[in-house]
All heavy atoms as atom14 arrays in JSON, in Angstrom:
{
  "sequence": "GSGSTYYADSVKGRFTISRDNAKNTVYLQINSPEPEDTAV",
  "atom14_mask": [
    [1, 1, 1, 1, 0, 0, 0, 0, 0, 0, 0, 0, 0, 0],
    [1, 1, 1, 1, 1, 1, 0, 0, 0, 0, 0, 0, 0, 0],
    [1, 1, 1, 1, 0, 0, 0, 0, 0, 0, 0, 0, 0, 0],
    [1, 1, 1, 1, 1, 1, 0, 0, 0, 0, 0, 0, 0, 0],
    [1, 1, 1, 1, 1, 1, 1, 0, 0, 0, 0, 0, 0, 0],
    [1, 1, 1, 1, 1, 1, 1, 1, 1, 1, 1, 1, 0, 0],
    [1, 1, 1, 1, 1, 1, 1, 1, 1, 1, 1, 1, 0, 0],
    [1, 1, 1, 1, 1, 0, 0, 0, 0, 0, 0, 0, 0, 0],
    [1, 1, 1, 1, 1, 1, 1, 1, 0, 0, 0, 0, 0, 0],
    [1, 1, 1, 1, 1, 1, 0, 0, 0, 0, 0, 0, 0, 0],
    [1, 1, 1, 1, 1, 1, 1, 0, 0, 0, 0, 0, 0, 0],
    [1, 1, 1, 1, 1, 1, 1, 1, 1, 0, 0, 0, 0, 0],
    [1, 1, 1, 1, 0, 0, 0, 0, 0, 0, 0, 0, 0, 0],
    [1, 1, 1, 1, 1, 1, 1, 1, 1, 1, 1, 0, 0, 0],
    [1, 1, 1, 1, 1, 1, 1, 1, 1, 1, 1, 0, 0, 0],
    [1, 1, 1, 1, 1, 1, 1, 0, 0, 0, 0, 0, 0, 0],
    [1, 1, 1, 1, 1, 1, 1, 1, 0, 0, 0, 0, 0, 0],
    [1, 1, 1, 1, 1, 1, 0, 0, 0, 0, 0, 0, 0, 0],
    [1, 1, 1, 1, 1, 1, 1, 1, 1, 1, 1, 0, 0, 0],
    [1, 1, 1, 1, 1, 1, 1, 1, 0, 0, 0, 0, 0, 0],
    [1, 1, 1, 1, 1, 1, 1, 1, 0, 0, 0, 0, 0, 0],
    [1, 1, 1, 1, 1, 0, 0, 0, 0, 0, 0, 0, 0, 0],
    [1, 1, 1, 1, 1, 1, 1, 1, 1, 0, 0, 0, 0, 0],
    [1, 1, 1, 1, 1, 1, 1, 1, 0, 0, 0, 0, 0, 0],
    [1, 1, 1, 1, 1, 1, 1, 0, 0, 0, 0, 0, 0, 0],
    [1, 1, 1, 1, 1, 1, 1, 0, 0, 0, 0, 0, 0, 0],
    [1, 1, 1, 1, 1, 1, 1, 1, 1, 1, 1, 1, 0, 0],
    [1, 1, 1, 1, 1, 1, 1, 1, 0, 0, 0, 0, 0, 0],
    [1, 1, 1, 1, 1, 1, 1, 1, 1, 0, 0, 0, 0, 0],
    [1, 1, 1, 1, 1, 1, 1, 1, 0, 0, 0, 0, 0, 0],
    [1, 1, 1, 1, 1, 1, 1, 1, 0, 0, 0, 0, 0, 0],
    [1, 1, 1, 1, 1, 1, 0, 0, 0, 0, 0, 0, 0, 0],
    [1, 1, 1, 1, 1, 1, 1, 0, 0, 0, 0, 0, 0, 0],
    [1, 1, 1, 1, 1, 1, 1, 1, 1, 0, 0, 0, 0, 0],
    [1, 1, 1, 1, 1, 1, 1, 0, 0, 0, 0, 0, 0, 0],
    [1, 1, 1, 1, 1, 1, 1, 1, 1, 0, 0, 0, 0, 0],
    [1, 1, 1, 1, 1, 1, 1, 1, 0, 0, 0, 0, 0, 0],
    [1, 1, 1, 1, 1, 1, 1, 0, 0, 0, 0, 0, 0, 0],
    [1, 1, 1, 1, 1, 0, 0, 0, 0, 0, 0, 0, 0, 0],
    [1, 1, 1, 1, 1, 1, 1, 0, 0, 0, 0, 0, 0, 0]
  ],
  "atom14_positions": [
    [[0.79, -1.21, 0.0], [0.0, 0.0, 0.0], [0.83, 1.27, 0.0], [0.7, 2.12, -0.88], [0.0, 0.0, 0.0], [0.0, 0.0, 0.0], [0.0, 0.0, 0.0], [0.0, 0.0, 0.0], [0.0, 0.0, 0.0], [0.0, 0.0, 0.0], [0.0, 0.0, 0.0], [0.0, 0.0, 0.0], [0.0, 0.0, 0.0], [0.0, 0.0, 0.0]],
    [[1.72, 1.4, 0.98], [2.46, 2.65, 1.15], [3.7, 2.73, 0.27], [4.2, 3.82, 0.0], [2.85, 2.83, 2.61], [3.79, 1.83, 2.98], [0.0, 0.0, 0.0], [0.0, 0.0, 0.0], [0.0, 0.0, 0.0], [0.0, 0.0, 0.0], [0.0, 0.0, 0.0], [0.0, 0.0, 0.0], [0.0, 0.0, 0.0], [0.0, 0.0, 0.0]],
    [[4.23, 1.58, -0.14], [5.48, 1.58, -0.9], [6.71, 1.74, -0.04], [7.82, 1.9, -0.56], [0.0, 0.0, 0.0], [0.0, 0.0, 0.0], [0.0, 0.0, 0.0], [0.0, 0.0, 0.0], [0.0, 0.0, 0.0], [0.0, 0.0, 0.0], [0.0, 0.0, 0.0], [0.0, 0.0, 0.0], [0.0, 0.0, 0.0], [0.0, 0.0, 0.0]],
    [[6.55, 1.69, 1.28], [7.71, 1.81, 2.18], [8.65, 0.64, 1.96], [8.22, -0.5, 1.82], [7.23, 1.83, 3.62], [6.39, 2.93, 3.84], [0.0, 0.0, 0.0], [0.0, 0.0, 0.0], [0.0, 0.0, 0.0], [0.0, 0.0, 0.0], [0.0, 0.0, 0.0], [0.0, 0.0, 0.0], [0.0, 0.0, 0.0], [0.0, 0.0, 0.0]],
    [[9.94, 0.93, 1.95], [10.94, -0.08, 1.64], [11.97, -0.23, 2.75], [12.17, 0.67, 3.58], [11.67, 0.27, 0.33], [12.32, 1.54, 0.48], [10.72, 0.33, -0.84], [0.0, 0.0, 0.0], [0.0, 0.0, 0.0], [0.0, 0.0, 0.0], [0.0, 0.0, 0.0], [0.0, 0.0, 0.0], [0.0, 0.0, 0.0], [0.0, 0.0, 0.0]],
    [[12.63, -1.37, 2.72], [13.72, -1.65, 3.67], [14.69, -2.59, 2.97], [14.28, -3.5, 2.25], [13.18, -2.29, 4.94], [14.23, -2.51, 5.99], [14.6, -1.49, 6.85], [14.87, -3.75, 6.1], [15.59, -1.69, 7.8], [15.85, -3.95, 7.05], [16.2, -2.92, 7.89], [17.18, -3.12, 8.82], [0.0, 0.0, 0.0], [0.0, 0.0, 0.0]],
    [[16.0, -2.37, 3.22], [17.03, -3.15, 2.54], [18.02, -3.76, 3.51], [18.31, -3.2, 4.57], [17.82, -2.26, 1.57], [16.99, -1.68, 0.45], [16.35, -0.45, 0.6], [16.83, -2.37, -0.74], [15.58, 0.07, -0.41], [16.07, -1.84, -1.77], [15.45, -0.63, -1.6], [14.69, -0.1, -2.62], [0.0, 0.0, 0.0], [0.0, 0.0, 0.0]],
    [[18.57, -4.89, 3.1], [19.7, -5.45, 3.82], [20.93, -4.58, 3.55], [21.07, -4.02, 2.46], [19.96, -6.88, 3.36], [0.0, 0.0, 0.0], [0.0, 0.0, 0.0], [0.0, 0.0, 0.0], [0.0, 0.0, 0.0], [0.0, 0.0, 0.0], [0.0, 0.0, 0.0], [0.0, 0.0, 0.0], [0.0, 0.0, 0.0], [0.0, 0.0, 0.0]],
    [[21.81, -4.48, 4.52], [23.01, -3.66, 4.36], [23.86, -4.1, 3.17], [24.51, -3.28, 2.52], [23.85, -3.71, 5.64], [23.21, -2.93, 6.78], [22.33, -2.1, 6.52], [23.6, -3.18, 7.94], [0.0, 0.0, 0.0], [0.0, 0.0, 0.0], [0.0, 0.0, 0.0], [0.0, 0.0, 0.0], [0.0, 0.0, 0.0], [0.0, 0.0, 0.0]],
    [[23.84, -5.39, 2.88], [24.7, -5.93, 1.82], [24.32, -5.43, 0.43], [25.14, -5.49, -0.49], [24.67, -7.46, 1.85], [23.33, -7.92, 1.67], [0.0, 0.0, 0.0], [0.0, 0.0, 0.0], [0.0, 0.0, 0.0], [0.0, 0.0, 0.0], [0.0, 0.0, 0.0], [0.0, 0.0, 0.0], [0.0, 0.0, 0.0], [0.0, 0.0, 0.0]],
    [[23.09, -4.93, 0.27], [22.64, -4.5, -1.05], [22.22, -3.04, -1.08], [21.9, -2.5, -2.16], [21.48, -5.37, -1.57], [21.87, -6.84, -1.58], [20.21, -5.15, -0.75], [0.0, 0.0, 0.0], [0.0, 0.0, 0.0], [0.0, 0.0, 0.0], [0.0, 0.0, 0.0], [0.0, 0.0, 0.0], [0.0, 0.0, 0.0], [0.0, 0.0, 0.0]],
    [[22.22, -2.39, 0.06], [21.77, -1.0, 0.12], [22.6, -0.13, -0.8], [23.83, -0.21, -0.81], [21.87, -0.51, 1.57], [21.04, 0.71, 1.88], [21.1, 1.02, 3.38], [20.46, -0.05, 4.2], [20.48, 0.27, 5.65], [0.0, 0.0, 0.0], [0.0, 0.0, 0.0], [0.0, 0.0, 0.0], [0.0, 0.0, 0.0], [0.0, 0.0, 0.0]],
    [[21.94, 0.67, -1.6], [22.62, 1.54, -2.54], [22.85, 0.91, -3.9], [23.17, 1.61, -4.87], [0.0, 0.0, 0.0], [0.0, 0.0, 0.0], [0.0, 0.0, 0.0], [0.0, 0.0, 0.0], [0.0, 0.0, 0.0], [0.0, 0.0, 0.0], [0.0, 0.0, 0.0], [0.0, 0.0, 0.0], [0.0, 0.0, 0.0], [0.0, 0.0, 0.0]],
    [[22.7, -0.41, -4.01], [22.89, -1.1, -5.3], [21.59, -1.7, -5.82], [21.37, -1.75, -7.02], [23.94, -2.2, -5.16], [25.31, -1.72, -4.75], [26.34, -2.85, -4.84], [26.01, -3.97, -3.97], [25.83, -5.22, -4.4], [25.92, -5.51, -5.68], [25.56, -6.18, -3.53], [0.0, 0.0, 0.0], [0.0, 0.0, 0.0], [0.0, 0.0, 0.0]],
    [[20.75, -2.19, -4.92], [19.49, -2.81, -5.3], [18.33, -1.87, -4.95], [18.39, -1.15, -3.94], [19.28, -4.13, -4.54], [20.21, -5.24, -4.92], [21.37, -5.03, -5.64], [19.91, -6.54, -4.54], [22.22, -6.06, -5.98], [20.75, -7.6, -4.86], [21.91, -7.36, -5.58], [0.0, 0.0, 0.0], [0.0, 0.0, 0.0], [0.0, 0.0, 0.0]],
    [[17.29, -1.93, -5.77], [16.09, -1.13, -5.51], [14.86, -1.98, -5.69], [14.69, -2.62, -6.74], [16.01, 0.07, -6.47], [17.18, 0.88, -6.34], [14.79, 0.93, -6.15], [0.0, 0.0, 0.0], [0.0, 0.0, 0.0], [0.0, 0.0, 0.0], [0.0, 0.0, 0.0], [0.0, 0.0, 0.0], [0.0, 0.0, 0.0], [0.0, 0.0, 0.0]],
    [[14.01, -2.01, -4.67], [12.74, -2.72, -4.76], [11.65, -1.69, -5.05], [11.66, -0.58, -4.51], [12.44, -3.51, -3.47], [11.21, -4.39, -3.64], [12.31, -2.59, -2.26], [10.99, -5.37, -2.46], [0.0, 0.0, 0.0], [0.0, 0.0, 0.0], [0.0, 0.0, 0.0], [0.0, 0.0, 0.0], [0.0, 0.0, 0.0], [0.0, 0.0, 0.0]],
    [[10.72, -2.07, -5.91], [9.61, -1.19, -6.24], [8.4, -2.05, -6.6], [8.52, -3.26, -6.75], [9.97, -0.26, -7.41], [10.24, -1.01, -8.58], [0.0, 0.0, 0.0], [0.0, 0.0, 0.0], [0.0, 0.0, 0.0], [0.0, 0.0, 0.0], [0.0, 0.0, 0.0], [0.0, 0.0, 0.0], [0.0, 0.0, 0.0], [0.0, 0.0, 0.0]],
    [[7.25, -1.39, -6.71], [6.07, -2.14, -7.11], [5.21, -1.3, -8.03], [5.22, -0.07, -7.97], [5.27, -2.64, -5.89], [4.16, -1.71, -5.36], [4.68, -0.64, -4.51], [3.63, 0.08, -3.8], [3.43, 1.37, -3.96], [4.15, 2.07, -4.84], [2.51, 1.99, -3.24], [0.0, 0.0, 0.0], [0.0, 0.0, 0.0], [0.0, 0.0, 0.0]],
    [[4.46, -2.0, -8.88], [3.49, -1.38, -9.77], [2.14, -1.97, -9.4], [1.84, -3.11, -9.74], [3.85, -1.68, -11.23], [2.93, -0.96, -12.2], [1.75, -0.73, -11.88], [3.39, -0.66, -13.32], [0.0, 0.0, 0.0], [0.0, 0.0, 0.0], [0.0, 0.0, 0.0], [0.0, 0.0, 0.0], [0.0, 0.0, 0.0], [0.0, 0.0, 0.0]],
    [[1.35, -1.18, -8.68], [0.07, -1.7, -8.19], [-0.86, -2.07, -9.33], [-1.6, -3.05, -9.24], [-0.59, -0.67, -7.28], [0.12, -0.56, -5.94], [0.94, -1.4, -5.59], [-0.18, 0.49, -5.2], [0.0, 0.0, 0.0], [0.0, 0.0, 0.0], [0.0, 0.0, 0.0], [0.0, 0.0, 0.0], [0.0, 0.0, 0.0], [0.0, 0.0, 0.0]],
    [[-0.84, -1.32, -10.4], [-1.74, -1.59, -11.53], [-1.42, -2.94, -12.17], [-2.32, -3.63, -12.66], [-1.65, -0.48, -12.56], [0.0, 0.0, 0.0], [0.0, 0.0, 0.0], [0.0, 0.0, 0.0], [0.0, 0.0, 0.0], [0.0, 0.0, 0.0], [0.0, 0.0, 0.0], [0.0, 0.0, 0.0], [0.0, 0.0, 0.0], [0.0, 0.0, 0.0]],
    [[-0.14, -3.29, -12.16], [0.28, -4.56, -12.78], [0.44, -5.68, -11.74], [0.79, -6.8, -12.11], [1.61, -4.37, -13.52], [1.52, -3.43, -14.7], [2.86, -3.34, -15.41], [2.76, -2.43, -16.62], [4.06, -2.32, -17.34], [0.0, 0.0, 0.0], [0.0, 0.0, 0.0], [0.0, 0.0, 0.0], [0.0, 0.0, 0.0], [0.0, 0.0, 0.0]],
    [[0.22, -5.37, -10.47], [0.4, -6.36, -9.4], [1.77, -7.01, -9.5], [1.9, -8.25, -9.39], [-0.68, -7.43, -9.49], [-1.74, -7.26, -8.41], [-1.83, -6.21, -7.79], [-2.53, -8.28, -8.19], [0.0, 0.0, 0.0], [0.0, 0.0, 0.0], [0.0, 0.0, 0.0], [0.0, 0.0, 0.0], [0.0, 0.0, 0.0], [0.0, 0.0, 0.0]],
    [[2.77, -6.2, -9.71], [4.12, -6.7, -9.92], [5.11, -5.96, -9.03], [5.01, -4.74, -8.86], [4.53, -6.55, -11.39], [3.61, -7.29, -12.21], [5.94, -7.06, -11.63], [0.0, 0.0, 0.0], [0.0, 0.0, 0.0], [0.0, 0.0, 0.0], [0.0, 0.0, 0.0], [0.0, 0.0, 0.0], [0.0, 0.0, 0.0], [0.0, 0.0, 0.0]],
    [[6.02, -6.73, -8.48], [7.11, -6.18, -7.67], [8.4, -6.39, -8.45], [8.59, -7.43, -9.09], [7.18, -6.87, -6.3], [8.38, -6.37, -5.5], [5.9, -6.63, -5.52], [0.0, 0.0, 0.0], [0.0, 0.0, 0.0], [0.0, 0.0, 0.0], [0.0, 0.0, 0.0], [0.0, 0.0, 0.0], [0.0, 0.0, 0.0], [0.0, 0.0, 0.0]],
    [[9.29, -5.41, -8.36], [10.54, -5.47, -9.1], [11.74, -5.41, -8.16], [11.65, -4.86, -7.05], [10.64, -4.29, -10.08], [9.5, -4.22, -11.06], [8.43, -3.37, -10.84], [9.5, -5.01, -12.21], [7.37, -3.29, -11.73], [8.45, -4.95, -13.11], [7.4, -4.09, -12.86], [6.35, -4.03, -13.76], [0.0, 0.0, 0.0], [0.0, 0.0, 0.0]],
    [[12.83, -5.97, -8.61], [14.11, -5.79, -7.92], [15.13, -5.37, -8.96], [15.52, -6.17, -9.82], [14.56, -7.08, -7.22], [15.83, -6.93, -6.39], [15.55, -6.06, -5.15], [16.37, -8.29, -5.97], [0.0, 0.0, 0.0], [0.0, 0.0, 0.0], [0.0, 0.0, 0.0], [0.0, 0.0, 0.0], [0.0, 0.0, 0.0], [0.0, 0.0, 0.0]],
    [[15.51, -4.11, -8.93], [16.54, -3.6, -9.83], [17.89, -3.85, -9.2], [18.15, -3.41, -8.07], [16.33, -2.1, -10.06], [17.39, -1.46, -10.95], [17.27, -1.9, -12.4], [16.17, -2.08, -12.92], [18.43, -2.1, -13.05], [0.0, 0.0, 0.0], [0.0, 0.0, 0.0], [0.0, 0.0, 0.0], [0.0, 0.0, 0.0], [0.0, 0.0, 0.0]],
    [[18.74, -4.56, -9.93], [20.08, -4.91, -9.44], [21.09, -4.1, -10.24], [21.26, -4.33, -11.44], [20.34, -6.41, -9.58], [19.31, -7.21, -8.78], [21.75, -6.75, -9.13], [19.41, -8.71, -8.97], [0.0, 0.0, 0.0], [0.0, 0.0, 0.0], [0.0, 0.0, 0.0], [0.0, 0.0, 0.0], [0.0, 0.0, 0.0], [0.0, 0.0, 0.0]],
    [[21.77, -3.19, -9.59], [22.81, -2.39, -10.23], [24.16, -2.76, -9.64], [24.27, -3.13, -8.47], [22.54, -0.9, -10.05], [21.31, -0.44, -10.79], [20.93, -0.99, -11.82], [20.66, 0.59, -10.27], [0.0, 0.0, 0.0], [0.0, 0.0, 0.0], [0.0, 0.0, 0.0], [0.0, 0.0, 0.0], [0.0, 0.0, 0.0], [0.0, 0.0, 0.0]],
    [[25.18, -2.63, -10.46], [26.56, -2.93, -10.03], [26.64, -4.27, -9.3], [27.19, -4.35, -8.19], [27.09, -1.8, -9.14], [27.08, -0.57, -9.82], [0.0, 0.0, 0.0], [0.0, 0.0, 0.0], [0.0, 0.0, 0.0], [0.0, 0.0, 0.0], [0.0, 0.0, 0.0], [0.0, 0.0, 0.0], [0.0, 0.0, 0.0], [0.0, 0.0, 0.0]],
    [[26.12, -5.33, -9.9], [26.2, -6.62, -9.22], [27.65, -7.09, -9.11], [28.52, -6.73, -9.92], [25.37, -7.55, -10.12], [25.46, -6.94, -11.47], [25.48, -5.46, -11.24], [0.0, 0.0, 0.0], [0.0, 0.0, 0.0], [0.0, 0.0, 0.0], [0.0, 0.0, 0.0], [0.0, 0.0, 0.0], [0.0, 0.0, 0.0], [0.0, 0.0, 0.0]],
    [[27.86, -7.93, -8.11], [29.17, -8.52, -7.83], [29.03, -10.04, -7.9], [27.93, -10.57, -7.74], [29.65, -8.08, -6.45], [29.72, -6.57, -6.29], [29.78, -6.14, -4.84], [29.63, -7.01, -3.94], [29.97, -4.93, -4.58], [0.0, 0.0, 0.0], [0.0, 0.0, 0.0], [0.0, 0.0, 0.0], [0.0, 0.0, 0.0], [0.0, 0.0, 0.0]],
    [[30.13, -10.74, -8.15], [30.04, -12.21, -8.19], [29.4, -12.8, -6.94], [28.72, -13.83, -7.01], [31.5, -12.65, -8.33], [32.13, -11.52, -9.08], [31.47, -10.27, -8.55], [0.0, 0.0, 0.0], [0.0, 0.0, 0.0], [0.0, 0.0, 0.0], [0.0, 0.0, 0.0], [0.0, 0.0, 0.0], [0.0, 0.0, 0.0], [0.0, 0.0, 0.0]],
    [[29.56, -12.12, -5.81], [28.98, -12.6, -4.55], [27.46, -12.51, -4.55], [26.79, -13.06, -3.67], [29.52, -11.79, -3.37], [31.01, -11.98, -3.1], [31.91, -11.31, -4.13], [31.47, -10.32, -4.76], [33.05, -11.77, -4.32], [0.0, 0.0, 0.0], [0.0, 0.0, 0.0], [0.0, 0.0, 0.0], [0.0, 0.0, 0.0], [0.0, 0.0, 0.0]],
    [[26.87, -11.81, -5.53], [25.42, -11.72, -5.63], [24.82, -12.91, -6.37], [23.59, -13.01, -6.5], [25.02, -10.43, -6.36], [25.38, -9.17, -5.58], [25.2, -9.16, -4.35], [25.86, -8.2, -6.21], [0.0, 0.0, 0.0], [0.0, 0.0, 0.0], [0.0, 0.0, 0.0], [0.0, 0.0, 0.0], [0.0, 0.0, 0.0], [0.0, 0.0, 0.0]],
    [[25.65, -13.8, -6.86], [25.16, -14.99, -7.56], [24.35, -15.85, -6.61], [24.83, -16.23, -5.54], [26.34, -15.79, -8.14], [26.99, -15.01, -9.15], [25.86, -17.1, -8.73], [0.0, 0.0, 0.0], [0.0, 0.0, 0.0], [0.0, 0.0, 0.0], [0.0, 0.0, 0.0], [0.0, 0.0, 0.0], [0.0, 0.0, 0.0], [0.0, 0.0, 0.0]],
    [[23.11, -16.15, -7.01], [22.21, -16.92, -6.15], [20.9, -17.16, -6.9], [20.67, -16.58, -7.97], [21.93, -16.18, -4.85], [0.0, 0.0, 0.0], [0.0, 0.0, 0.0], [0.0, 0.0, 0.0], [0.0, 0.0, 0.0], [0.0, 0.0, 0.0], [0.0, 0.0, 0.0], [0.0, 0.0, 0.0], [0.0, 0.0, 0.0], [0.0, 0.0, 0.0]],
    [[20.05, -17.98, -6.32], [18.66, -18.06, -6.75], [17.9, -17.0, -5.97], [17.99, -16.95, -4.73], [18.07, -19.46, -6.51], [16.59, -19.48, -6.91], [18.85, -20.51, -7.27], [0.0, 0.0, 0.0], [0.0, 0.0, 0.0], [0.0, 0.0, 0.0], [0.0, 0.0, 0.0], [0.0, 0.0, 0.0], [0.0, 0.0, 0.0], [0.0, 0.0, 0.0]]
  ]
}
């Protein structure tokens, strides 16, 4: 509803979570990824 966000320290400043209410979709924008970000 509010769009309030919270991040883990390990990704703060590089990852961005957002949502599109009309599309019922949540996004995770990953910028400047590092090999340590490899995961499912």
